[in-house]
Amino acid sequence: SVQTGGSLRLTCSVSGMMGPMGWWRQDP
């Protein structure tokens, strides 16, 4: 949780072969 203007760094750990990758997002 951050305030407007803040920053976060997300990490994705991949267990298998890592080819082209992307990020998606979703709200309920």
mmCIF file of all heavy atoms, coordinates in Angstrom:
data_MODEL
# 
_entry.id   MODEL 
# 
loop_
_atom_site.group_PDB 
_atom_site.id 
_atom_site.type_symbol 
_atom_site.label_atom_id 
_atom_site.label_alt_id 
_atom_site.label_comp_id 
_atom_site.label_asym_id 
_atom_site.label_entity_id 
_atom_site.label_seq_id 
_atom_site.pdbx_PDB_ins_code 
_atom_site.Cartn_x 
_atom_site.Cartn_y 
_atom_site.Cartn_z 
_atom_site.occupancy 
_atom_site.B_iso_or_equiv 
_atom_site.pdbx_formal_charge 
_atom_site.auth_seq_id 
_atom_site.auth_comp_id 
_atom_site.auth_asym_id 
_atom_site.auth_atom_id 
_atom_site.pdbx_PDB_model_num 
ATOM 1   N N   . SER A 1 1  ? 0.837   -1.193  0.000   1.00 0.00 ? 1  SER A N   1 
ATOM 2   C CA  . SER A 1 1  ? 0.000   0.000   0.000   1.00 0.00 ? 1  SER A CA  1 
ATOM 3   C C   . SER A 1 1  ? 0.870   1.240   0.000   1.00 0.00 ? 1  SER A C   1 
ATOM 4   O O   . SER A 1 1  ? 1.777   1.369   0.825   1.00 0.00 ? 1  SER A O   1 
ATOM 5   C CB  . SER A 1 1  ? -0.918  0.011   1.222   1.00 0.00 ? 1  SER A CB  1 
ATOM 6   O OG  . SER A 1 1  ? -1.807  -1.090  1.207   1.00 0.00 ? 1  SER A OG  1 
ATOM 7   N N   . VAL A 1 2  ? 0.598   2.127   -0.929  1.00 0.00 ? 2  VAL A N   1 
ATOM 8   C CA  . VAL A 1 2  ? 1.337   3.377   -1.035  1.00 0.00 ? 2  VAL A CA  1 
ATOM 9   C C   . VAL A 1 2  ? 0.367   4.510   -1.317  1.00 0.00 ? 2  VAL A C   1 
ATOM 10  O O   . VAL A 1 2  ? -0.782  4.288   -1.701  1.00 0.00 ? 2  VAL A O   1 
ATOM 11  C CB  . VAL A 1 2  ? 2.411   3.335   -2.146  1.00 0.00 ? 2  VAL A CB  1 
ATOM 12  C CG1 . VAL A 1 2  ? 3.450   2.267   -1.851  1.00 0.00 ? 2  VAL A CG1 1 
ATOM 13  C CG2 . VAL A 1 2  ? 1.766   3.093   -3.507  1.00 0.00 ? 2  VAL A CG2 1 
ATOM 14  N N   . GLN A 1 3  ? 0.842   5.712   -1.130  1.00 0.00 ? 3  GLN A N   1 
ATOM 15  C CA  . GLN A 1 3  ? 0.066   6.886   -1.478  1.00 0.00 ? 3  GLN A CA  1 
ATOM 16  C C   . GLN A 1 3  ? 0.316   7.280   -2.922  1.00 0.00 ? 3  GLN A C   1 
ATOM 17  O O   . GLN A 1 3  ? 1.295   6.859   -3.544  1.00 0.00 ? 3  GLN A O   1 
ATOM 18  C CB  . GLN A 1 3  ? 0.417   8.053   -0.556  1.00 0.00 ? 3  GLN A CB  1 
ATOM 19  C CG  . GLN A 1 3  ? -0.031  7.859   0.878   1.00 0.00 ? 3  GLN A CG  1 
ATOM 20  C CD  . GLN A 1 3  ? 0.272   9.064   1.729   1.00 0.00 ? 3  GLN A CD  1 
ATOM 21  O OE1 . GLN A 1 3  ? 1.416   9.493   1.832   1.00 0.00 ? 3  GLN A OE1 1 
ATOM 22  N NE2 . GLN A 1 3  ? -0.759  9.617   2.346   1.00 0.00 ? 3  GLN A NE2 1 
ATOM 23  N N   . THR A 1 4  ? -0.585  8.070   -3.451  1.00 0.00 ? 4  THR A N   1 
ATOM 24  C CA  . THR A 1 4  ? -0.424  8.581   -4.803  1.00 0.00 ? 4  THR A CA  1 
ATOM 25  C C   . THR A 1 4  ? 0.958   9.201   -4.965  1.00 0.00 ? 4  THR A C   1 
ATOM 26  O O   . THR A 1 4  ? 1.407   9.976   -4.121  1.00 0.00 ? 4  THR A O   1 
ATOM 27  C CB  . THR A 1 4  ? -1.512  9.611   -5.121  1.00 0.00 ? 4  THR A CB  1 
ATOM 28  O OG1 . THR A 1 4  ? -2.790  8.981   -5.071  1.00 0.00 ? 4  THR A OG1 1 
ATOM 29  C CG2 . THR A 1 4  ? -1.305  10.223  -6.500  1.00 0.00 ? 4  THR A CG2 1 
ATOM 30  N N   . GLY A 1 5  ? 1.631   8.835   -6.053  1.00 0.00 ? 5  GLY A N   1 
ATOM 31  C CA  . GLY A 1 5  ? 2.968   9.331   -6.310  1.00 0.00 ? 5  GLY A CA  1 
ATOM 32  C C   . GLY A 1 5  ? 4.071   8.438   -5.799  1.00 0.00 ? 5  GLY A C   1 
ATOM 33  O O   . GLY A 1 5  ? 5.242   8.668   -6.117  1.00 0.00 ? 5  GLY A O   1 
ATOM 34  N N   . GLY A 1 6  ? 3.717   7.422   -5.040  1.00 0.00 ? 6  GLY A N   1 
ATOM 35  C CA  . GLY A 1 6  ? 4.701   6.518   -4.489  1.00 0.00 ? 6  GLY A CA  1 
ATOM 36  C C   . GLY A 1 6  ? 5.199   5.505   -5.496  1.00 0.00 ? 6  GLY A C   1 
ATOM 37  O O   . GLY A 1 6  ? 4.784   5.492   -6.654  1.00 0.00 ? 6  GLY A O   1 
ATOM 38  N N   . SER A 1 7  ? 6.091   4.633   -5.033  1.00 0.00 ? 7  SER A N   1 
ATOM 39  C CA  . SER A 1 7  ? 6.713   3.637   -5.893  1.00 0.00 ? 7  SER A CA  1 
ATOM 40  C C   . SER A 1 7  ? 6.695   2.263   -5.244  1.00 0.00 ? 7  SER A C   1 
ATOM 41  O O   . SER A 1 7  ? 6.724   2.139   -4.018  1.00 0.00 ? 7  SER A O   1 
ATOM 42  C CB  . SER A 1 7  ? 8.169   4.012   -6.198  1.00 0.00 ? 7  SER A CB  1 
ATOM 43  O OG  . SER A 1 7  ? 8.257   5.236   -6.900  1.00 0.00 ? 7  SER A OG  1 
ATOM 44  N N   . LEU A 1 8  ? 6.658   1.243   -6.077  1.00 0.00 ? 8  LEU A N   1 
ATOM 45  C CA  . LEU A 1 8  ? 6.784   -0.137  -5.654  1.00 0.00 ? 8  LEU A CA  1 
ATOM 46  C C   . LEU A 1 8  ? 7.566   -0.900  -6.707  1.00 0.00 ? 8  LEU A C   1 
ATOM 47  O O   . LEU A 1 8  ? 7.534   -0.536  -7.886  1.00 0.00 ? 8  LEU A O   1 
ATOM 48  C CB  . LEU A 1 8  ? 5.421   -0.809  -5.466  1.00 0.00 ? 8  LEU A CB  1 
ATOM 49  C CG  . LEU A 1 8  ? 4.585   -0.418  -4.251  1.00 0.00 ? 8  LEU A CG  1 
ATOM 50  C CD1 . LEU A 1 8  ? 3.182   -1.010  -4.385  1.00 0.00 ? 8  LEU A CD1 1 
ATOM 51  C CD2 . LEU A 1 8  ? 5.242   -0.896  -2.965  1.00 0.00 ? 8  LEU A CD2 1 
ATOM 52  N N   . ARG A 1 9  ? 8.248   -1.953  -6.280  1.00 0.00 ? 9  ARG A N   1 
ATOM 53  C CA  . ARG A 1 9  ? 8.957   -2.831  -7.194  1.00 0.00 ? 9  ARG A CA  1 
ATOM 54  C C   . ARG A 1 9  ? 8.436   -4.249  -7.007  1.00 0.00 ? 9  ARG A C   1 
ATOM 55  O O   . ARG A 1 9  ? 8.600   -4.838  -5.942  1.00 0.00 ? 9  ARG A O   1 
ATOM 56  C CB  . ARG A 1 9  ? 10.466  -2.789  -6.944  1.00 0.00 ? 9  ARG A CB  1 
ATOM 57  C CG  . ARG A 1 9  ? 11.287  -3.650  -7.909  1.00 0.00 ? 9  ARG A CG  1 
ATOM 58  C CD  . ARG A 1 9  ? 12.774  -3.446  -7.645  1.00 0.00 ? 9  ARG A CD  1 
ATOM 59  N NE  . ARG A 1 9  ? 13.634  -4.333  -8.407  1.00 0.00 ? 9  ARG A NE  1 
ATOM 60  C CZ  . ARG A 1 9  ? 14.032  -4.113  -9.657  1.00 0.00 ? 9  ARG A CZ  1 
ATOM 61  N NH1 . ARG A 1 9  ? 13.639  -3.021  -10.295 1.00 0.00 ? 9  ARG A NH1 1 
ATOM 62  N NH2 . ARG A 1 9  ? 14.833  -4.974  -10.259 1.00 0.00 ? 9  ARG A NH2 1 
ATOM 63  N N   . LEU A 1 10 ? 7.804   -4.780  -8.024  1.00 0.00 ? 10 LEU A N   1 
ATOM 64  C CA  . LEU A 1 10 ? 7.265   -6.126  -7.990  1.00 0.00 ? 10 LEU A CA  1 
ATOM 65  C C   . LEU A 1 10 ? 8.280   -7.114  -8.541  1.00 0.00 ? 10 LEU A C   1 
ATOM 66  O O   . LEU A 1 10 ? 9.050   -6.794  -9.443  1.00 0.00 ? 10 LEU A O   1 
ATOM 67  C CB  . LEU A 1 10 ? 5.979   -6.221  -8.806  1.00 0.00 ? 10 LEU A CB  1 
ATOM 68  C CG  . LEU A 1 10 ? 4.885   -5.201  -8.491  1.00 0.00 ? 10 LEU A CG  1 
ATOM 69  C CD1 . LEU A 1 10 ? 3.642   -5.513  -9.312  1.00 0.00 ? 10 LEU A CD1 1 
ATOM 70  C CD2 . LEU A 1 10 ? 4.569   -5.174  -7.008  1.00 0.00 ? 10 LEU A CD2 1 
ATOM 71  N N   . THR A 1 11 ? 8.260   -8.324  -7.988  1.00 0.00 ? 11 THR A N   1 
ATOM 72  C CA  . THR A 1 11 ? 9.147   -9.380  -8.417  1.00 0.00 ? 11 THR A CA  1 
ATOM 73  C C   . THR A 1 11 ? 8.337   -10.603 -8.807  1.00 0.00 ? 11 THR A C   1 
ATOM 74  O O   . THR A 1 11 ? 7.368   -10.958 -8.136  1.00 0.00 ? 11 THR A O   1 
ATOM 75  C CB  . THR A 1 11 ? 10.131  -9.757  -7.301  1.00 0.00 ? 11 THR A CB  1 
ATOM 76  O OG1 . THR A 1 11 ? 10.973  -8.646  -7.006  1.00 0.00 ? 11 THR A OG1 1 
ATOM 77  C CG2 . THR A 1 11 ? 11.012  -10.934 -7.734  1.00 0.00 ? 11 THR A CG2 1 
ATOM 78  N N   . CYS A 1 12 ? 8.731   -11.239 -9.889  1.00 0.00 ? 12 CYS A N   1 
ATOM 79  C CA  . CYS A 1 12 ? 8.129   -12.487 -10.344 1.00 0.00 ? 12 CYS A CA  1 
ATOM 80  C C   . CYS A 1 12 ? 9.212   -13.548 -10.375 1.00 0.00 ? 12 CYS A C   1 
ATOM 81  O O   . CYS A 1 12 ? 10.206  -13.393 -11.098 1.00 0.00 ? 12 CYS A O   1 
ATOM 82  C CB  . CYS A 1 12 ? 7.513   -12.303 -11.730 1.00 0.00 ? 12 CYS A CB  1 
ATOM 83  S SG  . CYS A 1 12 ? 6.930   -13.825 -12.521 1.00 0.00 ? 12 CYS A SG  1 
ATOM 84  N N   . SER A 1 13 ? 9.036   -14.600 -9.598  1.00 0.00 ? 13 SER A N   1 
ATOM 85  C CA  . SER A 1 13 ? 9.962   -15.728 -9.592  1.00 0.00 ? 13 SER A CA  1 
ATOM 86  C C   . SER A 1 13 ? 9.398   -16.826 -10.476 1.00 0.00 ? 13 SER A C   1 
ATOM 87  O O   . SER A 1 13 ? 8.269   -17.277 -10.271 1.00 0.00 ? 13 SER A O   1 
ATOM 88  C CB  . SER A 1 13 ? 10.171  -16.252 -8.172  1.00 0.00 ? 13 SER A CB  1 
ATOM 89  O OG  . SER A 1 13 ? 10.727  -15.260 -7.340  1.00 0.00 ? 13 SER A OG  1 
ATOM 90  N N   . VAL A 1 14 ? 10.173  -17.265 -11.450 1.00 0.00 ? 14 VAL A N   1 
ATOM 91  C CA  . VAL A 1 14 ? 9.736   -18.246 -12.436 1.00 0.00 ? 14 VAL A CA  1 
ATOM 92  C C   . VAL A 1 14 ? 10.452  -19.556 -12.183 1.00 0.00 ? 14 VAL A C   1 
ATOM 93  O O   . VAL A 1 14 ? 11.679  -19.600 -12.126 1.00 0.00 ? 14 VAL A O   1 
ATOM 94  C CB  . VAL A 1 14 ? 10.020  -17.743 -13.866 1.00 0.00 ? 14 VAL A CB  1 
ATOM 95  C CG1 . VAL A 1 14 ? 9.496   -18.736 -14.896 1.00 0.00 ? 14 VAL A CG1 1 
ATOM 96  C CG2 . VAL A 1 14 ? 9.413   -16.366 -14.076 1.00 0.00 ? 14 VAL A CG2 1 
ATOM 97  N N   . SER A 1 15 ? 9.689   -20.655 -12.069 1.00 0.00 ? 15 SER A N   1 
ATOM 98  C CA  . SER A 1 15 ? 10.273  -21.949 -11.729 1.00 0.00 ? 15 SER A CA  1 
ATOM 99  C C   . SER A 1 15 ? 10.741  -22.741 -12.934 1.00 0.00 ? 15 SER A C   1 
ATOM 100 O O   . SER A 1 15 ? 11.563  -23.637 -12.798 1.00 0.00 ? 15 SER A O   1 
ATOM 101 C CB  . SER A 1 15 ? 9.276   -22.785 -10.926 1.00 0.00 ? 15 SER A CB  1 
ATOM 102 O OG  . SER A 1 15 ? 8.147   -23.119 -11.712 1.00 0.00 ? 15 SER A OG  1 
ATOM 103 N N   . GLY A 1 16 ? 10.215  -22.459 -14.108 1.00 0.00 ? 16 GLY A N   1 
ATOM 104 C CA  . GLY A 1 16 ? 10.572  -23.176 -15.320 1.00 0.00 ? 16 GLY A CA  1 
ATOM 105 C C   . GLY A 1 16 ? 11.309  -22.297 -16.303 1.00 0.00 ? 16 GLY A C   1 
ATOM 106 O O   . GLY A 1 16 ? 11.910  -21.287 -15.930 1.00 0.00 ? 16 GLY A O   1 
ATOM 107 N N   . MET A 1 17 ? 11.260  -22.719 -17.573 1.00 0.00 ? 17 MET A N   1 
ATOM 108 C CA  . MET A 1 17 ? 11.897  -21.925 -18.618 1.00 0.00 ? 17 MET A CA  1 
ATOM 109 C C   . MET A 1 17 ? 11.229  -20.569 -18.712 1.00 0.00 ? 17 MET A C   1 
ATOM 110 O O   . MET A 1 17 ? 10.011  -20.460 -18.688 1.00 0.00 ? 17 MET A O   1 
ATOM 111 C CB  . MET A 1 17 ? 11.806  -22.647 -19.956 1.00 0.00 ? 17 MET A CB  1 
ATOM 112 C CG  . MET A 1 17 ? 12.615  -23.920 -20.033 1.00 0.00 ? 17 MET A CG  1 
ATOM 113 S SD  . MET A 1 17 ? 12.552  -24.685 -21.669 1.00 0.00 ? 17 MET A SD  1 
ATOM 114 C CE  . MET A 1 17 ? 13.314  -23.400 -22.665 1.00 0.00 ? 17 MET A CE  1 
ATOM 115 N N   . MET A 1 18 ? 12.024  -19.536 -18.815 1.00 0.00 ? 18 MET A N   1 
ATOM 116 C CA  . MET A 1 18 ? 11.516  -18.171 -18.843 1.00 0.00 ? 18 MET A CA  1 
ATOM 117 C C   . MET A 1 18 ? 11.775  -17.557 -20.204 1.00 0.00 ? 18 MET A C   1 
ATOM 118 O O   . MET A 1 18 ? 12.873  -17.075 -20.484 1.00 0.00 ? 18 MET A O   1 
ATOM 119 C CB  . MET A 1 18 ? 12.148  -17.338 -17.735 1.00 0.00 ? 18 MET A CB  1 
ATOM 120 C CG  . MET A 1 18 ? 11.451  -16.011 -17.514 1.00 0.00 ? 18 MET A CG  1 
ATOM 121 S SD  . MET A 1 18 ? 12.122  -15.095 -16.100 1.00 0.00 ? 18 MET A SD  1 
ATOM 122 C CE  . MET A 1 18 ? 13.657  -14.488 -16.812 1.00 0.00 ? 18 MET A CE  1 
ATOM 123 N N   . GLY A 1 19 ? 10.759  -17.584 -21.024 1.00 0.00 ? 19 GLY A N   1 
ATOM 124 C CA  . GLY A 1 19 ? 10.830  -16.924 -22.312 1.00 0.00 ? 19 GLY A CA  1 
ATOM 125 C C   . GLY A 1 19 ? 10.324  -15.504 -22.193 1.00 0.00 ? 19 GLY A C   1 
ATOM 126 O O   . GLY A 1 19 ? 10.507  -14.851 -21.163 1.00 0.00 ? 19 GLY A O   1 
ATOM 127 N N   . PRO A 1 20 ? 9.666   -15.000 -23.242 1.00 0.00 ? 20 PRO A N   1 
ATOM 128 C CA  . PRO A 1 20 ? 9.065   -13.668 -23.129 1.00 0.00 ? 20 PRO A CA  1 
ATOM 129 C C   . PRO A 1 20 ? 8.058   -13.637 -21.984 1.00 0.00 ? 20 PRO A C   1 
ATOM 130 O O   . PRO A 1 20 ? 7.275   -14.576 -21.810 1.00 0.00 ? 20 PRO A O   1 
ATOM 131 C CB  . PRO A 1 20 ? 8.385   -13.466 -24.484 1.00 0.00 ? 20 PRO A CB  1 
ATOM 132 C CG  . PRO A 1 20 ? 9.141   -14.363 -25.416 1.00 0.00 ? 20 PRO A CG  1 
ATOM 133 C CD  . PRO A 1 20 ? 9.493   -15.569 -24.593 1.00 0.00 ? 20 PRO A CD  1 
ATOM 134 N N   . MET A 1 21 ? 8.086   -12.581 -21.202 1.00 0.00 ? 21 MET A N   1 
ATOM 135 C CA  . MET A 1 21 ? 7.251   -12.495 -20.010 1.00 0.00 ? 21 MET A CA  1 
ATOM 136 C C   . MET A 1 21 ? 6.496   -11.182 -19.991 1.00 0.00 ? 21 MET A C   1 
ATOM 137 O O   . MET A 1 21 ? 6.899   -10.201 -20.619 1.00 0.00 ? 21 MET A O   1 
ATOM 138 C CB  . MET A 1 21 ? 8.102   -12.603 -18.748 1.00 0.00 ? 21 MET A CB  1 
ATOM 139 C CG  . MET A 1 21 ? 8.830   -13.919 -18.589 1.00 0.00 ? 21 MET A CG  1 
ATOM 140 S SD  . MET A 1 21 ? 7.699   -15.304 -18.271 1.00 0.00 ? 21 MET A SD  1 
ATOM 141 C CE  . MET A 1 21 ? 7.024   -14.831 -16.678 1.00 0.00 ? 21 MET A CE  1 
ATOM 142 N N   . GLY A 1 22 ? 5.407   -11.179 -19.243 1.00 0.00 ? 22 GLY A N   1 
ATOM 143 C CA  . GLY A 1 22 ? 4.616   -9.972  -19.123 1.00 0.00 ? 22 GLY A CA  1 
ATOM 144 C C   . GLY A 1 22 ? 3.994   -9.836  -17.753 1.00 0.00 ? 22 GLY A C   1 
ATOM 145 O O   . GLY A 1 22 ? 3.999   -10.772 -16.946 1.00 0.00 ? 22 GLY A O   1 
ATOM 146 N N   . TRP A 1 23 ? 3.480   -8.657  -17.509 1.00 0.00 ? 23 TRP A N   1 
ATOM 147 C CA  . TRP A 1 23 ? 2.721   -8.361  -16.304 1.00 0.00 ? 23 TRP A CA  1 
ATOM 148 C C   . TRP A 1 23 ? 1.296   -8.005  -16.691 1.00 0.00 ? 23 TRP A C   1 
ATOM 149 O O   . TRP A 1 23 ? 1.074   -7.295  -17.679 1.00 0.00 ? 23 TRP A O   1 
ATOM 150 C CB  . TRP A 1 23 ? 3.332   -7.203  -15.517 1.00 0.00 ? 23 TRP A CB  1 
ATOM 151 C CG  . TRP A 1 23 ? 4.586   -7.554  -14.775 1.00 0.00 ? 23 TRP A CG  1 
ATOM 152 C CD1 . TRP A 1 23 ? 5.867   -7.415  -15.202 1.00 0.00 ? 23 TRP A CD1 1 
ATOM 153 C CD2 . TRP A 1 23 ? 4.662   -8.099  -13.453 1.00 0.00 ? 23 TRP A CD2 1 
ATOM 154 N NE1 . TRP A 1 23 ? 6.749   -7.838  -14.241 1.00 0.00 ? 23 TRP A NE1 1 
ATOM 155 C CE2 . TRP A 1 23 ? 6.030   -8.261  -13.148 1.00 0.00 ? 23 TRP A CE2 1 
ATOM 156 C CE3 . TRP A 1 23 ? 3.714   -8.458  -12.493 1.00 0.00 ? 23 TRP A CE3 1 
ATOM 157 C CZ2 . TRP A 1 23 ? 6.473   -8.770  -11.930 1.00 0.00 ? 23 TRP A CZ2 1 
ATOM 158 C CZ3 . TRP A 1 23 ? 4.156   -8.973  -11.286 1.00 0.00 ? 23 TRP A CZ3 1 
ATOM 159 C CH2 . TRP A 1 23 ? 5.514   -9.121  -11.015 1.00 0.00 ? 23 TRP A CH2 1 
ATOM 160 N N   . TRP A 1 24 ? 0.347   -8.500  -15.907 1.00 0.00 ? 24 TRP A N   1 
ATOM 161 C CA  . TRP A 1 24 ? -1.077  -8.211  -16.049 1.00 0.00 ? 24 TRP A CA  1 
ATOM 162 C C   . TRP A 1 24 ? -1.579  -7.694  -14.712 1.00 0.00 ? 24 TRP A C   1 
ATOM 163 O O   . TRP A 1 24 ? -0.972  -7.914  -13.669 1.00 0.00 ? 24 TRP A O   1 
ATOM 164 C CB  . TRP A 1 24 ? -1.858  -9.467  -16.418 1.00 0.00 ? 24 TRP A CB  1 
ATOM 165 C CG  . TRP A 1 24 ? -1.770  -9.919  -17.839 1.00 0.00 ? 24 TRP A CG  1 
ATOM 166 C CD1 . TRP A 1 24 ? -2.731  -9.815  -18.804 1.00 0.00 ? 24 TRP A CD1 1 
ATOM 167 C CD2 . TRP A 1 24 ? -0.664  -10.597 -18.470 1.00 0.00 ? 24 TRP A CD2 1 
ATOM 168 N NE1 . TRP A 1 24 ? -2.313  -10.373 -19.986 1.00 0.00 ? 24 TRP A NE1 1 
ATOM 169 C CE2 . TRP A 1 24 ? -1.036  -10.867 -19.802 1.00 0.00 ? 24 TRP A CE2 1 
ATOM 170 C CE3 . TRP A 1 24 ? 0.594   -11.002 -18.034 1.00 0.00 ? 24 TRP A CE3 1 
ATOM 171 C CZ2 . TRP A 1 24 ? -0.193  -11.514 -20.704 1.00 0.00 ? 24 TRP A CZ2 1 
ATOM 172 C CZ3 . TRP A 1 24 ? 1.439   -11.646 -18.931 1.00 0.00 ? 24 TRP A CZ3 1 
ATOM 173 C CH2 . TRP A 1 24 ? 1.038   -11.888 -20.247 1.00 0.00 ? 24 TRP A CH2 1 
ATOM 174 N N   . ARG A 1 25 ? -2.731  -7.028  -14.740 1.00 0.00 ? 25 ARG A N   1 
ATOM 175 C CA  . ARG A 1 25 ? -3.341  -6.605  -13.495 1.00 0.00 ? 25 ARG A CA  1 
ATOM 176 C C   . ARG A 1 25 ? -4.853  -6.751  -13.586 1.00 0.00 ? 25 ARG A C   1 
ATOM 177 O O   . ARG A 1 25 ? -5.442  -6.680  -14.660 1.00 0.00 ? 25 ARG A O   1 
ATOM 178 C CB  . ARG A 1 25 ? -2.951  -5.174  -13.122 1.00 0.00 ? 25 ARG A CB  1 
ATOM 179 C CG  . ARG A 1 25 ? -3.447  -4.093  -14.066 1.00 0.00 ? 25 ARG A CG  1 
ATOM 180 C CD  . ARG A 1 25 ? -2.863  -2.755  -13.636 1.00 0.00 ? 25 ARG A CD  1 
ATOM 181 N NE  . ARG A 1 25 ? -3.297  -1.664  -14.494 1.00 0.00 ? 25 ARG A NE  1 
ATOM 182 C CZ  . ARG A 1 25 ? -2.821  -0.437  -14.424 1.00 0.00 ? 25 ARG A CZ  1 
ATOM 183 N NH1 . ARG A 1 25 ? -1.884  -0.124  -13.525 1.00 0.00 ? 25 ARG A NH1 1 
ATOM 184 N NH2 . ARG A 1 25 ? -3.284  0.506   -15.247 1.00 0.00 ? 25 ARG A NH2 1 
ATOM 185 N N   . GLN A 1 26 ? -5.472  -6.926  -12.408 1.00 0.00 ? 26 GLN A N   1 
ATOM 186 C CA  . GLN A 1 26 ? -6.904  -7.190  -12.364 1.00 0.00 ? 26 GLN A CA  1 
ATOM 187 C C   . GLN A 1 26 ? -7.503  -6.724  -11.041 1.00 0.00 ? 26 GLN A C   1 
ATOM 188 O O   . GLN A 1 26 ? -6.953  -7.001  -9.982  1.00 0.00 ? 26 GLN A O   1 
ATOM 189 C CB  . GLN A 1 26 ? -7.180  -8.679  -12.542 1.00 0.00 ? 26 GLN A CB  1 
ATOM 190 C CG  . GLN A 1 26 ? -8.642  -9.052  -12.598 1.00 0.00 ? 26 GLN A CG  1 
ATOM 191 C CD  . GLN A 1 26 ? -8.834  -10.539 -12.818 1.00 0.00 ? 26 GLN A CD  1 
ATOM 192 O OE1 . GLN A 1 26 ? -8.029  -11.351 -12.370 1.00 0.00 ? 26 GLN A OE1 1 
ATOM 193 N NE2 . GLN A 1 26 ? -9.892  -10.895 -13.523 1.00 0.00 ? 26 GLN A NE2 1 
ATOM 194 N N   . ASP A 1 27 ? -8.620  -6.024  -11.119 1.00 0.00 ? 27 ASP A N   1 
ATOM 195 C CA  . ASP A 1 27 ? -9.426  -5.684  -9.963  1.00 0.00 ? 27 ASP A CA  1 
ATOM 196 C C   . ASP A 1 27 ? -10.643 -6.602  -9.937  1.00 0.00 ? 27 ASP A C   1 
ATOM 197 O O   . ASP A 1 27 ? -11.064 -7.116  -10.971 1.00 0.00 ? 27 ASP A O   1 
ATOM 198 C CB  . ASP A 1 27 ? -9.890  -4.229  -10.017 1.00 0.00 ? 27 ASP A CB  1 
ATOM 199 C CG  . ASP A 1 27 ? -8.984  -3.289  -9.244  1.00 0.00 ? 27 ASP A CG  1 
ATOM 200 O OD1 . ASP A 1 27 ? -8.265  -3.748  -8.334  1.00 0.00 ? 27 ASP A OD1 1 
ATOM 201 O OD2 . ASP A 1 27 ? -8.998  -2.083  -9.545  1.00 0.00 ? 27 ASP A OD2 1 
ATOM 202 N N   . PRO A 1 28 ? -11.243 -6.824  -8.738  1.00 0.00 ? 28 PRO A N   1 
ATOM 203 C CA  . PRO A 1 28 ? -12.445 -7.659  -8.680  1.00 0.00 ? 28 PRO A CA  1 
ATOM 204 C C   . PRO A 1 28 ? -13.523 -7.157  -9.627  1.00 0.00 ? 28 PRO A C   1 
ATOM 205 O O   . PRO A 1 28 ? -13.820 -5.965  -9.674  1.00 0.00 ? 28 PRO A O   1 
ATOM 206 C CB  . PRO A 1 28 ? -12.888 -7.534  -7.223  1.00 0.00 ? 28 PRO A CB  1 
ATOM 207 C CG  . PRO A 1 28 ? -11.633 -7.244  -6.476  1.00 0.00 ? 28 PRO A CG  1 
ATOM 208 C CD  . PRO A 1 28 ? -10.831 -6.377  -7.407  1.00 0.00 ? 28 PRO A CD  1 
# 
